[in-house]
Amino acid sequence: MSGKLLNELKERLDAKTIHDLRQVARAVGVPRPADGKKERILNCIMDIAAGNFDPVVPSNRGAHPKSNEYDRQAVADVFRCREICLAGEATEESNFELSVASGEDFDRFAFTAEGTLYVSGGKWFMNVRGLRDKGITEVFVSNYFINTLKLREGDWVKGDCKRESLDEIAGLSCVLSVNDVAPESLHDRKEIDKLVPVYPDKKIHLYGENATCRIINLLSPLGEGQRAFVTGAHACGKTSVLRDIASGLKDYGDIKLIVALIDAAPEEAAEFRRIVPEKNVFVSPFEAGSSGHVATARMALDHAKRQAETHGKAVLIIDDLTRLAKAFNCIGRQVCQPIDPSATDSVKSFLASAKNTEEGISLTLISALSESGDEADEAVYKALKGVCNMRVALSSKIARMRIYPPMDIDNTYAIGDEKLLSDNELKTADTLRGYGAEKIVGLVKDTKDNDELCKQVLN
């Protein structure tokens, strides 16, 4: 138990800047807290937390510290860890956690929060996650942090917050991490909108044994920076296919996965949250209205851009573009029909953010698009269908036959798939296109992976 607590404490402290870590070190009794590199200071703090040596009394000699501010919660957790370690292993019934957002000890005046950065009325705020049951939904962010750390809309910021009374909004007082990395490491990050785009040339392999991922890997391979559409009529499984794709991406080590659900039912949101970490799922429920849908989609896109800029690769799944286009169409209008061209142009600006770049940074966008026959849906479909370079087409006829995934093989493709598939995979894909969906699904289920499938088809 104590080992788990120490690891969690070390992760929190490691995310701090060396200046903040020195302040914590001084407060817990590390000898010579201003000397040495960050690793040495962190190890000294952890030694005190583990009970390996006793803290020293801070010296009054020398220059006074530049600031007496420090993370009091971190200091308290160091000493609580020390108590547990010195007392021996905690019992199985112990409920002790380092999270300041749980339990009755939560301090509404000083707390740690994390959320997505956004601008409203020229001021910066964090859209806080995990503290809504405490009555905290947003935190004010000073321009000092924005300018000093060069923060951008969509950044995932974790930091200490405080306020003087419950009647005022809390303000960010210390930044602990940005996009899960140390804040000082972001000064030289690039801006994806200014990078040079290139054609997708690296395959994103969808992991998992489900038939959807395996068929996509062969017939419409997903490449870094693609604009991928899952198209089909109402109730033919578009959201289920997107969920399978998300499941195939969730364990991808170097790709950050973000999901935006527009006009979503609560059960849809719950399904995606079982796959994707809560902080990367942006949900605009069906009662949120057009403005809420657009704001959520924009925040998710900004967040995906920042993840790509920080970590190199990101995938954004939007369910779906048709509902998003309708939301754009309804803003500021009393009559929402027909679809105004400006609404689809706004959606195209979203799609234009997806790109593979010469610098190796990529943002891939995967979304659903409805082919329901409805006049508004058809207008959106016609305006956007030419923008994609990868398509998974679904068939209502095949769906009624209870075949899943109900893919229309003839209209499922990826432009430039020869750059993403091996020679054997290309030959197998060409052969499979002569089969029906039922036979392809059967072959997938009868083989353990696509390598075995290729051997079986080509022999």
Protein backbone atom coordinates (compact mmCIF):
# COMPACT_ATOMS: atom_id res chain seq x y z
CA MET A 1 0.00 0.00 0.00
CA SER A 2 2.76 2.44 0.95
CA GLY A 3 4.62 1.71 -2.30
CA LYS A 4 1.57 2.72 -4.31
CA LEU A 5 1.23 5.95 -2.31
CA LEU A 6 4.90 6.78 -2.77
CA ASN A 7 4.70 6.22 -6.53
CA GLU A 8 1.63 8.44 -6.78
CA LEU A 9 3.34 11.16 -4.70
CA LYS A 10 6.49 10.94 -6.83
CA GLU A 11 4.50 11.39 -10.05
CA ARG A 12 2.85 14.52 -8.66
CA LEU A 13 6.13 16.02 -7.48
CA ASP A 14 7.96 15.13 -10.70
CA ALA A 15 5.43 17.24 -12.66
CA LYS A 16 6.46 20.37 -10.73
CA THR A 17 9.03 22.89 -11.87
CA ILE A 18 12.39 22.86 -10.08
CA HIS A 19 11.48 26.17 -8.38
CA ASP A 20 8.25 24.75 -6.94
CA LEU A 21 10.03 21.54 -5.94
CA ARG A 22 12.64 23.53 -4.03
CA GLN A 23 9.88 25.29 -2.11
CA VAL A 24 8.35 21.94 -1.15
CA ALA A 25 11.81 20.59 -0.24
CA ARG A 26 12.46 23.57 2.03
CA ALA A 27 9.09 23.06 3.74
CA VAL A 28 9.59 19.32 4.41
CA GLY A 29 13.15 19.69 5.70
CA VAL A 30 15.46 18.71 2.85
CA PRO A 31 19.06 19.80 3.59
CA ARG A 32 20.33 22.46 1.17
CA PRO A 33 17.08 22.56 -0.90
CA ALA A 34 18.52 25.05 -3.41
CA ASP A 35 21.52 22.87 -4.27
CA GLY A 36 21.66 20.26 -7.00
CA LYS A 37 19.47 19.26 -9.89
CA LYS A 38 15.80 18.42 -9.85
CA GLU A 39 16.47 14.68 -9.57
CA ARG A 40 18.52 15.12 -6.39
CA ILE A 41 15.86 17.32 -4.75
CA LEU A 42 13.07 14.91 -5.70
CA ASN A 43 15.00 11.93 -4.31
CA CYS A 44 15.60 13.75 -1.03
CA ILE A 45 11.89 14.53 -0.65
CA MET A 46 10.98 10.90 -1.39
CA ASP A 47 13.54 9.67 1.15
CA ILE A 48 11.83 11.78 3.79
CA ALA A 49 8.39 10.53 2.66
CA ALA A 50 9.60 6.91 2.84
CA GLY A 51 11.11 7.46 6.32
CA ASN A 52 14.66 6.76 5.15
CA PHE A 53 16.05 9.80 6.95
CA ASP A 54 14.70 12.55 9.19
CA PRO A 55 13.95 16.07 7.97
CA VAL A 56 16.28 18.84 9.08
CA VAL A 57 15.35 22.18 10.61
CA PRO A 58 15.46 24.87 7.89
CA SER A 59 18.53 27.08 8.25
CA ASN A 60 18.16 30.83 8.79
CA ARG A 61 21.60 31.52 7.35
CA GLY A 62 22.13 32.86 3.84
CA ALA A 63 19.72 34.71 1.57
CA HIS A 64 16.01 34.50 2.26
CA PRO A 65 13.96 32.43 -0.18
CA LYS A 66 12.45 34.41 -3.05
CA SER A 67 9.00 33.19 -2.10
CA ASN A 68 7.40 31.55 0.90
CA GLU A 69 4.60 30.09 -1.25
CA TYR A 70 4.56 26.32 -1.63
CA ASP A 71 2.17 23.46 -2.32
CA ARG A 72 0.82 22.84 1.15
CA GLN A 73 -1.16 19.82 0.05
CA ALA A 74 2.00 18.19 -1.35
CA VAL A 75 3.87 18.89 1.89
CA ALA A 76 1.01 17.40 3.90
CA ASP A 77 1.03 14.30 1.68
CA VAL A 78 4.79 13.87 2.17
CA PHE A 79 4.37 13.75 5.95
CA ARG A 80 1.30 11.52 5.74
CA CYS A 81 3.23 9.07 3.56
CA ARG A 82 6.06 9.22 6.08
CA GLU A 83 3.69 8.38 8.94
CA ILE A 84 2.34 5.35 7.07
CA CYS A 85 5.80 4.12 6.07
CA LEU A 86 7.17 4.46 9.61
CA ALA A 87 4.12 2.77 11.08
CA GLY A 88 4.38 -0.16 8.68
CA GLU A 89 2.09 -1.23 5.85
CA ALA A 90 -1.45 0.14 6.02
CA THR A 91 -4.31 -2.30 6.41
CA GLU A 92 -6.41 -3.43 3.47
CA GLU A 93 -9.30 -1.38 4.80
CA SER A 94 -7.33 1.86 4.57
CA ASN A 95 -9.06 4.49 2.46
CA PHE A 96 -6.12 6.89 2.38
CA GLU A 97 -5.58 8.59 -0.99
CA LEU A 98 -3.51 11.56 -2.10
CA SER A 99 -6.35 13.05 -4.11
CA VAL A 100 -7.43 16.37 -2.66
CA ALA A 101 -10.72 16.17 -4.55
CA SER A 102 -12.10 13.28 -2.49
CA GLY A 103 -13.36 12.76 1.00
CA GLU A 104 -14.54 15.20 3.61
CA ASP A 105 -11.11 16.88 3.80
CA PHE A 106 -11.62 18.71 0.51
CA ASP A 107 -10.79 22.38 0.98
CA ARG A 108 -13.12 24.62 -1.03
CA PHE A 109 -10.75 27.57 -0.59
CA ALA A 110 -7.50 25.89 -1.69
CA PHE A 111 -7.50 22.81 -3.90
CA THR A 112 -5.88 21.14 -6.89
CA ALA A 113 -7.83 21.06 -10.14
CA GLU A 114 -7.33 20.19 -13.78
CA GLY A 115 -9.22 21.06 -16.93
CA THR A 116 -9.21 22.41 -20.45
CA LEU A 117 -8.13 25.99 -21.06
CA TYR A 118 -10.50 28.28 -22.97
CA VAL A 119 -11.19 31.97 -23.59
CA SER A 120 -14.48 33.68 -22.82
CA GLY A 121 -15.02 37.42 -23.10
CA GLY A 122 -11.30 38.00 -23.47
CA LYS A 123 -10.53 36.22 -20.18
CA TRP A 124 -8.99 32.81 -19.67
CA PHE A 125 -10.59 29.97 -17.71
CA MET A 126 -10.13 26.27 -17.00
CA ASN A 127 -13.14 24.07 -17.68
CA VAL A 128 -12.65 21.93 -14.58
CA ARG A 129 -13.29 18.19 -14.53
CA GLY A 130 -13.95 16.03 -11.50
CA LEU A 131 -15.08 18.78 -9.11
CA ARG A 132 -18.60 19.47 -10.32
CA ASP A 133 -20.05 17.69 -7.29
CA LYS A 134 -18.12 20.26 -5.19
CA GLY A 135 -19.78 23.12 -7.06
CA ILE A 136 -16.59 24.00 -8.98
CA THR A 137 -16.91 24.05 -12.78
CA GLU A 138 -14.39 26.65 -13.85
CA VAL A 139 -11.25 28.39 -12.59
CA PHE A 140 -9.96 31.82 -13.62
CA VAL A 141 -6.48 31.83 -15.17
CA SER A 142 -4.33 34.96 -15.02
CA ASN A 143 -2.69 36.33 -18.15
CA TYR A 144 0.59 35.95 -16.27
CA PHE A 145 0.45 32.16 -16.72
CA ILE A 146 -0.75 32.48 -20.31
CA ASN A 147 2.10 34.76 -21.33
CA THR A 148 4.85 33.21 -19.20
CA LEU A 149 4.15 29.59 -20.12
CA LYS A 150 2.80 30.41 -23.61
CA LEU A 151 -0.42 28.51 -22.96
CA ARG A 152 -3.00 28.02 -25.69
CA GLU A 153 -6.70 27.26 -25.90
CA GLY A 154 -7.26 23.54 -25.43
CA ASP A 155 -4.27 22.96 -23.15
CA TRP A 156 -4.98 20.50 -20.35
CA VAL A 157 -3.77 22.35 -17.26
CA LYS A 158 -3.33 20.96 -13.76
CA GLY A 159 -2.62 23.33 -10.94
CA ASP A 160 -3.24 24.62 -7.44
CA CYS A 161 -6.21 26.94 -7.07
CA LYS A 162 -7.45 29.18 -4.29
CA ARG A 163 -10.10 31.78 -3.44
CA GLU A 164 -10.94 34.02 -0.52
CA SER A 165 -14.62 33.15 -0.20
CA LEU A 166 -17.19 30.72 -1.59
CA ASP A 167 -18.91 33.61 -3.39
CA GLU A 168 -16.03 34.25 -5.77
CA ILE A 169 -14.57 32.20 -8.58
CA ALA A 170 -11.37 30.36 -7.76
CA GLY A 171 -8.14 31.43 -9.45
CA LEU A 172 -5.17 29.38 -10.61
CA SER A 173 -2.22 30.03 -8.27
CA CYS A 174 0.35 27.47 -9.46
CA VAL A 175 0.67 25.41 -12.65
CA LEU A 176 1.76 21.84 -11.92
CA SER A 177 1.61 20.40 -15.43
CA VAL A 178 0.35 21.17 -18.94
CA ASN A 179 -0.84 18.31 -21.15
CA ASP A 180 0.69 15.97 -18.55
CA VAL A 181 4.22 17.32 -18.97
CA ALA A 182 6.27 19.90 -17.07
CA PRO A 183 5.24 23.47 -18.05
CA GLU A 184 8.78 24.59 -18.87
CA SER A 185 9.07 21.93 -21.59
CA LEU A 186 6.45 23.64 -23.77
CA HIS A 187 8.31 26.84 -24.66
CA ASP A 188 9.53 25.53 -28.01
CA ARG A 189 6.47 23.58 -29.12
CA LYS A 190 5.25 24.13 -32.66
CA GLU A 191 1.80 25.30 -33.77
CA ILE A 192 0.14 22.65 -35.90
CA ASP A 193 -1.86 25.13 -37.99
CA LYS A 194 1.41 26.63 -39.27
CA LEU A 195 3.11 23.34 -40.19
CA VAL A 196 3.50 22.06 -43.76
CA PRO A 197 1.00 19.26 -44.57
CA VAL A 198 1.96 16.07 -46.42
CA TYR A 199 0.00 13.01 -47.51
CA PRO A 200 -0.58 10.31 -44.88
CA ASP A 201 2.34 7.89 -45.14
CA LYS A 202 2.31 6.08 -41.79
CA LYS A 203 -0.34 3.53 -40.89
CA ILE A 204 -2.23 3.68 -37.62
CA HIS A 205 -2.81 0.04 -36.78
CA LEU A 206 -6.08 -0.63 -34.98
CA TYR A 207 -5.44 -3.17 -32.25
CA GLY A 208 -7.96 -5.67 -30.96
CA GLU A 209 -9.68 -8.79 -32.19
CA ASN A 210 -12.98 -7.22 -33.25
CA ALA A 211 -13.89 -7.63 -36.92
CA THR A 212 -14.29 -3.89 -37.48
CA CYS A 213 -10.65 -3.08 -36.72
CA ARG A 214 -9.29 -5.98 -38.70
CA ILE A 215 -11.34 -5.20 -41.82
CA ILE A 216 -10.41 -1.51 -41.65
CA ASN A 217 -6.72 -2.44 -41.30
CA LEU A 218 -6.96 -4.26 -44.64
CA LEU A 219 -9.61 -2.54 -46.77
CA SER A 220 -9.44 1.09 -45.64
CA PRO A 221 -6.25 1.51 -43.59
CA LEU A 222 -6.10 4.48 -41.28
CA GLY A 223 -3.11 6.77 -41.81
CA GLU A 224 -1.72 9.54 -39.66
CA GLY A 225 -3.35 12.84 -40.58
CA GLN A 226 -6.32 11.37 -42.45
CA ARG A 227 -9.84 12.75 -42.58
CA ALA A 228 -11.82 9.54 -42.14
CA PHE A 229 -15.60 9.23 -42.47
CA VAL A 230 -17.93 6.47 -41.34
CA THR A 231 -20.99 6.94 -43.55
CA GLY A 232 -24.39 5.29 -43.53
CA ALA A 233 -28.10 5.68 -42.92
CA HIS A 234 -29.70 6.08 -39.52
CA ALA A 235 -29.41 3.07 -37.17
CA CYS A 236 -26.95 1.10 -39.29
CA GLY A 237 -24.19 1.16 -36.68
CA LYS A 238 -22.07 4.29 -37.28
CA THR A 239 -21.57 4.99 -33.57
CA SER A 240 -20.78 1.32 -32.89
CA VAL A 241 -18.07 1.38 -35.57
CA LEU A 242 -16.59 4.57 -34.08
CA ARG A 243 -16.62 2.89 -30.68
CA ASP A 244 -14.77 -0.13 -32.12
CA ILE A 245 -12.19 2.22 -33.65
CA ALA A 246 -11.75 3.98 -30.30
CA SER A 247 -11.27 0.58 -28.64
CA GLY A 248 -8.61 -0.26 -31.23
CA LEU A 249 -6.77 2.98 -30.48
CA LYS A 250 -7.04 3.12 -26.69
CA ASP A 251 -3.84 1.15 -26.04
CA TYR A 252 -1.80 2.91 -28.71
CA GLY A 253 1.23 4.07 -26.75
CA ASP A 254 2.23 7.26 -28.58
CA ILE A 255 -1.15 8.47 -29.84
CA LYS A 256 -3.48 10.63 -27.75
CA LEU A 257 -7.15 9.76 -28.34
CA ILE A 258 -9.85 12.43 -27.91
CA VAL A 259 -13.60 11.90 -28.40
CA ALA A 260 -16.26 14.59 -29.00
CA LEU A 261 -19.90 13.51 -28.78
CA ILE A 262 -22.34 16.05 -30.23
CA ASP A 263 -26.06 15.98 -29.41
CA ALA A 264 -25.37 12.74 -27.57
CA ALA A 265 -27.56 10.45 -25.50
CA PRO A 266 -26.25 9.70 -21.99
CA GLU A 267 -25.80 5.99 -22.71
CA GLU A 268 -23.57 6.82 -25.71
CA ALA A 269 -21.37 8.99 -23.52
CA ALA A 270 -21.18 6.26 -20.87
CA GLU A 271 -20.03 3.70 -23.46
CA PHE A 272 -17.18 5.89 -24.70
CA ARG A 273 -16.11 6.76 -21.16
CA ARG A 274 -15.56 3.07 -20.51
CA ILE A 275 -12.98 3.09 -23.32
CA VAL A 276 -11.39 6.55 -23.28
CA PRO A 277 -10.11 8.40 -20.17
CA GLU A 278 -12.71 10.80 -18.78
CA LYS A 279 -10.60 13.90 -19.40
CA ASN A 280 -10.42 13.13 -23.14
CA VAL A 281 -14.17 12.69 -23.67
CA PHE A 282 -16.06 15.90 -24.52
CA VAL A 283 -19.82 15.50 -24.39
CA SER A 284 -22.54 17.89 -25.49
CA PRO A 285 -25.84 16.21 -24.51
CA PHE A 286 -28.94 16.57 -26.64
CA GLU A 287 -30.39 19.16 -24.27
CA ALA A 288 -27.36 21.47 -24.55
CA GLY A 289 -28.61 23.34 -27.64
CA SER A 290 -26.78 24.44 -30.77
CA SER A 291 -24.42 26.86 -29.00
CA GLY A 292 -23.41 24.18 -26.53
CA HIS A 293 -22.76 21.67 -29.31
CA VAL A 294 -20.52 24.10 -31.20
CA ALA A 295 -18.62 25.21 -28.08
CA THR A 296 -17.96 21.58 -27.06
CA ALA A 297 -16.75 20.64 -30.55
CA ARG A 298 -14.40 23.62 -30.69
CA MET A 299 -12.98 22.86 -27.27
CA ALA A 300 -12.39 19.23 -28.25
CA LEU A 301 -10.65 20.27 -31.47
CA ASP A 302 -8.41 22.75 -29.63
CA HIS A 303 -7.58 20.08 -27.06
CA ALA A 304 -6.70 17.59 -29.83
CA LYS A 305 -4.41 20.17 -31.47
CA ARG A 306 -2.59 20.83 -28.22
CA GLN A 307 -2.14 17.11 -27.57
CA ALA A 308 -0.69 16.69 -31.07
CA GLU A 309 1.66 19.64 -30.58
CA THR A 310 2.85 18.32 -27.20
CA HIS A 311 3.00 14.58 -27.81
CA GLY A 312 3.37 14.41 -31.61
CA LYS A 313 0.29 12.39 -32.57
CA ALA A 314 -3.39 12.72 -31.77
CA VAL A 315 -6.67 11.26 -33.04
CA LEU A 316 -9.99 13.09 -32.68
CA ILE A 317 -13.23 11.12 -33.05
CA ILE A 318 -16.37 13.24 -33.61
CA ASP A 319 -19.86 11.74 -33.51
CA ASP A 320 -21.04 13.22 -35.70
CA LEU A 321 -20.44 15.90 -38.40
CA THR A 322 -24.05 15.99 -39.57
CA ARG A 323 -25.32 17.04 -36.14
CA LEU A 324 -22.44 19.50 -35.82
CA ALA A 325 -23.31 21.11 -39.18
CA LYS A 326 -26.95 21.44 -38.09
CA ALA A 327 -25.79 23.09 -34.86
CA PHE A 328 -23.72 25.63 -36.81
CA ASN A 329 -26.73 26.21 -39.05
CA CYS A 330 -29.05 27.00 -36.14
CA ILE A 331 -26.86 29.53 -34.34
CA GLY A 332 -28.36 33.01 -34.65
CA ARG A 333 -31.21 31.82 -36.85
CA GLN A 334 -34.87 31.38 -36.05
CA VAL A 335 -35.45 29.01 -38.98
CA CYS A 336 -32.87 26.26 -39.32
CA GLN A 337 -33.85 24.98 -42.76
CA PRO A 338 -32.39 24.72 -45.31
CA ILE A 339 -28.72 24.15 -44.52
CA ASP A 340 -26.78 27.37 -45.07
CA PRO A 341 -23.45 26.95 -46.93
CA SER A 342 -21.70 28.80 -44.08
CA ALA A 343 -22.63 25.93 -41.73
CA THR A 344 -20.85 23.32 -43.83
CA ASP A 345 -17.95 25.73 -44.37
CA SER A 346 -17.54 25.89 -40.58
CA VAL A 347 -17.39 22.09 -40.43
CA LYS A 348 -14.83 22.07 -43.25
CA SER A 349 -12.62 24.33 -41.13
CA PHE A 350 -12.68 21.56 -38.51
CA LEU A 351 -11.69 18.98 -41.10
CA ALA A 352 -8.88 21.20 -42.39
CA SER A 353 -7.18 20.87 -38.99
CA ALA A 354 -6.51 17.19 -39.67
CA LYS A 355 -3.10 16.81 -41.26
CA ASN A 356 0.14 14.91 -41.41
CA THR A 357 3.12 17.25 -41.41
CA GLU A 358 6.73 17.31 -42.54
CA GLU A 359 7.77 17.88 -38.93
CA GLY A 360 6.26 14.53 -37.88
CA ILE A 361 3.31 16.00 -35.97
CA SER A 362 -0.09 14.63 -37.00
CA LEU A 363 -3.73 15.13 -36.13
CA THR A 364 -6.14 12.49 -37.47
CA LEU A 365 -9.88 13.15 -37.54
CA ILE A 366 -12.45 10.36 -37.66
CA SER A 367 -16.16 11.14 -37.82
CA ALA A 368 -19.57 9.87 -38.86
CA LEU A 369 -21.68 11.33 -41.65
CA SER A 370 -25.36 10.49 -42.19
CA GLU A 371 -26.90 9.32 -45.46
CA SER A 372 -30.48 9.23 -44.25
CA GLY A 373 -32.26 10.69 -47.28
CA ASP A 374 -33.41 13.65 -45.19
CA GLU A 375 -33.03 16.92 -47.10
CA ALA A 376 -30.79 18.55 -44.50
CA ASP A 377 -28.68 15.41 -44.03
CA GLU A 378 -28.21 15.06 -47.79
CA ALA A 379 -27.15 18.70 -48.09
CA VAL A 380 -24.45 18.16 -45.45
CA TYR A 381 -23.38 14.87 -47.00
CA LYS A 382 -23.00 16.34 -50.50
CA ALA A 383 -21.02 19.30 -49.17
CA LEU A 384 -18.58 17.19 -47.11
CA LYS A 385 -18.22 13.83 -48.86
CA GLY A 386 -15.39 15.01 -51.09
CA VAL A 387 -13.27 16.18 -48.16
CA CYS A 388 -12.45 12.73 -46.76
CA ASN A 389 -9.51 10.59 -47.85
CA MET A 390 -10.63 7.46 -46.00
CA ARG A 391 -14.15 6.08 -45.87
CA VAL A 392 -15.93 3.24 -44.14
CA ALA A 393 -19.33 2.89 -45.83
CA LEU A 394 -22.12 1.05 -44.01
CA SER A 395 -25.14 -0.59 -45.63
CA SER A 396 -28.64 -0.68 -44.15
CA LYS A 397 -29.38 -3.81 -46.18
CA ILE A 398 -26.43 -5.67 -44.69
CA ALA A 399 -27.30 -4.36 -41.21
CA ARG A 400 -30.80 -5.83 -41.55
CA MET A 401 -29.15 -9.20 -42.24
CA ARG A 402 -27.60 -8.99 -38.75
CA ILE A 403 -24.06 -8.94 -40.17
CA TYR A 404 -21.62 -6.79 -38.21
CA PRO A 405 -19.87 -4.69 -39.24
CA PRO A 406 -22.38 -4.05 -42.05
CA MET A 407 -19.77 -2.68 -44.48
CA ASP A 408 -20.49 -1.76 -48.06
CA ILE A 409 -17.18 -3.10 -49.37
CA ASP A 410 -17.41 -1.42 -52.79
CA ASN A 411 -17.55 2.05 -51.21
CA THR A 412 -15.07 1.42 -48.39
CA TYR A 413 -11.61 2.69 -49.28
CA ALA A 414 -8.55 4.74 -48.32
CA ILE A 415 -6.85 7.03 -50.80
CA GLY A 416 -3.16 6.19 -51.05
CA ASP A 417 -3.55 2.82 -49.33
CA GLU A 418 -0.54 1.53 -51.26
CA LYS A 419 1.63 3.67 -48.91
CA LEU A 420 0.05 2.10 -45.85
CA LEU A 421 -0.23 -1.61 -46.73
CA SER A 422 2.36 -4.29 -47.46
CA ASP A 423 2.32 -6.12 -50.81
CA ASN A 424 0.59 -9.15 -49.28
CA GLU A 425 -2.02 -6.94 -47.63
CA LEU A 426 -2.70 -5.14 -50.92
CA LYS A 427 -3.16 -8.43 -52.75
CA THR A 428 -5.41 -9.73 -49.99
CA ALA A 429 -7.49 -6.55 -50.01
CA ASP A 430 -7.94 -6.75 -53.79
CA THR A 431 -9.09 -10.35 -53.48
CA LEU A 432 -11.46 -9.63 -50.60
CA ARG A 433 -13.19 -6.90 -52.57
CA GLY A 434 -14.57 -9.64 -54.81
CA TYR A 435 -16.30 -11.23 -51.81
CA GLY A 436 -19.46 -10.18 -50.01
CA ALA A 437 -19.51 -8.67 -46.55
CA GLU A 438 -20.87 -11.89 -45.01
CA LYS A 439 -17.98 -13.98 -46.37
CA ILE A 440 -15.37 -11.40 -45.32
CA VAL A 441 -16.72 -11.26 -41.76
CA GLY A 442 -16.73 -15.05 -41.68
CA LEU A 443 -13.09 -15.22 -42.80
CA VAL A 444 -12.10 -12.69 -40.15
CA LYS A 445 -13.83 -14.66 -37.41
CA ASP A 446 -12.22 -17.92 -38.57
CA THR A 447 -8.67 -16.53 -38.38
CA LYS A 448 -6.79 -15.23 -35.34
CA ASP A 449 -5.19 -12.21 -37.07
CA ASN A 450 -4.73 -10.56 -40.47
CA ASP A 451 -1.42 -12.32 -41.13
CA GLU A 452 -3.20 -15.66 -41.01
CA LEU A 453 -6.03 -14.22 -43.10
CA CYS A 454 -3.59 -13.08 -45.80
CA LYS A 455 -1.97 -16.53 -45.95
CA GLN A 456 -5.37 -18.22 -46.20
CA VAL A 457 -6.64 -15.95 -48.97
CA LEU A 458 -3.45 -15.91 -51.06
CA ASN A 459 -2.73 -19.67 -50.86
